[in-house]
Amino acid sequence: MGKRAWTAVAVNLLLGVPGVVPVWLLWYFAVNWPLAAIGWSRPEPTENDGMLPGLVVGVLLLALFVLWWLLNSSMRRRIALDPRVYWPVSVLATLVPTFGLIVVL
């Protein structure tokens, strides 16, 4: 991997730090609604906010994903790496801070 490829990895690691919050929110949503509805988890007993906070969070998550995708698309065009390598590495680098917190906590 060239110097630009390592720059893309570093950028995705940095994007992963604030990305911990959306990943946690997605997990919270999944555990409390769809997974609880099919019996795979127990919902938080004090969760009674309704769907509006979920909608607001969903729009925020979509906006952050679009920002991540646009940034990575522009970097991908400048890096001489096969897309089948670039995209999985970018996703994994973005998730490293979340995995780090899971291991530590």
Protein backbone atom coordinates (compact mmCIF):
# COMPACT_ATOMS: atom_id res chain seq x y z
CA MET A 1 0.00 0.00 0.00
CA GLY A 2 1.23 3.42 -0.93
CA LYS A 3 1.37 6.57 1.13
CA ARG A 4 -2.04 7.73 -0.11
CA ALA A 5 -3.61 4.42 0.90
CA TRP A 6 -2.30 4.85 4.44
CA THR A 7 -3.74 8.37 4.41
CA ALA A 8 -7.16 6.90 3.57
CA VAL A 9 -6.81 4.43 6.44
CA ALA A 10 -5.88 7.27 8.82
CA VAL A 11 -8.82 9.41 7.64
CA ASN A 12 -11.23 6.51 8.17
CA LEU A 13 -9.80 5.85 11.64
CA LEU A 14 -10.41 9.51 12.49
CA LEU A 15 -13.93 9.33 11.05
CA GLY A 16 -14.51 6.27 13.22
CA VAL A 17 -13.98 8.19 16.46
CA PRO A 18 -17.17 10.27 16.16
CA GLY A 19 -18.65 7.29 14.30
CA VAL A 20 -18.85 5.41 17.60
CA VAL A 21 -22.00 7.34 18.48
CA PRO A 22 -24.01 6.40 15.35
CA VAL A 23 -22.94 2.76 15.65
CA TRP A 24 -24.12 2.72 19.28
CA LEU A 25 -27.40 4.40 18.32
CA LEU A 26 -28.00 1.82 15.59
CA TRP A 27 -27.38 -0.96 18.10
CA TYR A 28 -29.70 0.68 20.65
CA PHE A 29 -32.44 1.01 18.04
CA ALA A 30 -32.03 -2.60 16.88
CA VAL A 31 -32.12 -4.04 20.39
CA ASN A 32 -35.17 -2.04 21.48
CA TRP A 33 -37.40 -2.42 18.45
CA PRO A 34 -36.83 -4.99 15.69
CA LEU A 35 -34.84 -7.53 17.71
CA ALA A 36 -37.19 -7.17 20.68
CA ALA A 37 -40.23 -7.57 18.40
CA ILE A 38 -39.01 -10.97 17.20
CA GLY A 39 -37.94 -12.04 20.70
CA TRP A 40 -34.16 -11.97 20.26
CA SER A 41 -33.60 -9.31 22.93
CA ARG A 42 -35.40 -7.57 25.75
CA PRO A 43 -36.19 -3.89 25.24
CA GLU A 44 -35.12 -1.21 27.68
CA PRO A 45 -38.06 -1.02 30.14
CA THR A 46 -37.85 2.77 30.44
CA GLU A 47 -37.84 3.36 26.67
CA ASN A 48 -41.08 5.17 25.92
CA ASP A 49 -40.07 8.09 23.71
CA GLY A 50 -41.94 6.92 20.63
CA MET A 51 -40.69 7.08 17.07
CA LEU A 52 -39.81 10.79 16.71
CA PRO A 53 -36.38 10.51 18.36
CA GLY A 54 -35.73 7.47 16.20
CA LEU A 55 -36.65 9.42 13.09
CA VAL A 56 -34.38 12.32 14.07
CA VAL A 57 -31.52 9.92 14.78
CA GLY A 58 -32.18 8.07 11.52
CA VAL A 59 -31.93 11.27 9.48
CA LEU A 60 -28.71 12.18 11.30
CA LEU A 61 -27.25 8.73 10.64
CA LEU A 62 -28.18 8.93 6.98
CA ALA A 63 -26.52 12.35 6.68
CA LEU A 64 -23.34 11.07 8.36
CA PHE A 65 -23.26 8.03 6.10
CA VAL A 66 -23.62 10.21 3.00
CA LEU A 67 -20.76 12.41 4.24
CA TRP A 68 -18.58 9.32 4.87
CA TRP A 69 -19.42 7.91 1.44
CA LEU A 70 -18.72 11.17 -0.40
CA LEU A 71 -15.37 11.61 1.35
CA ASN A 72 -14.35 8.03 0.63
CA SER A 73 -15.52 8.22 -2.98
CA SER A 74 -13.32 11.23 -3.61
CA MET A 75 -10.34 9.56 -1.91
CA ARG A 76 -10.96 6.31 -3.81
CA ARG A 77 -10.56 8.07 -7.17
CA ARG A 78 -7.13 9.39 -6.15
CA ILE A 79 -5.77 6.11 -4.79
CA ALA A 80 -4.51 3.34 -7.04
CA LEU A 81 -6.15 0.54 -5.11
CA ASP A 82 -8.66 -2.00 -6.29
CA PRO A 83 -12.18 -1.06 -5.06
CA ARG A 84 -12.59 -4.62 -3.76
CA VAL A 85 -9.74 -3.86 -1.37
CA TYR A 86 -10.37 -0.16 -0.69
CA TRP A 87 -13.99 -0.34 0.50
CA PRO A 88 -13.64 -3.22 3.01
CA VAL A 89 -10.47 -1.65 4.42
CA SER A 90 -12.27 1.70 4.75
CA VAL A 91 -15.24 0.15 6.55
CA LEU A 92 -13.03 -1.85 8.91
CA ALA A 93 -10.82 1.16 9.65
CA THR A 94 -13.93 3.20 10.45
CA LEU A 95 -15.17 0.50 12.86
CA VAL A 96 -11.83 0.06 14.69
CA PRO A 97 -12.62 2.71 17.37
CA THR A 98 -15.99 1.07 18.05
CA PHE A 99 -14.39 -2.37 18.37
CA GLY A 100 -11.73 -0.87 20.62
CA LEU A 101 -14.38 0.51 22.96
CA ILE A 102 -16.23 -2.80 22.97
CA VAL A 103 -13.05 -4.62 24.02
CA VAL A 104 -12.10 -2.04 26.65
CA LEU A 105 -15.56 -1.73 28.17
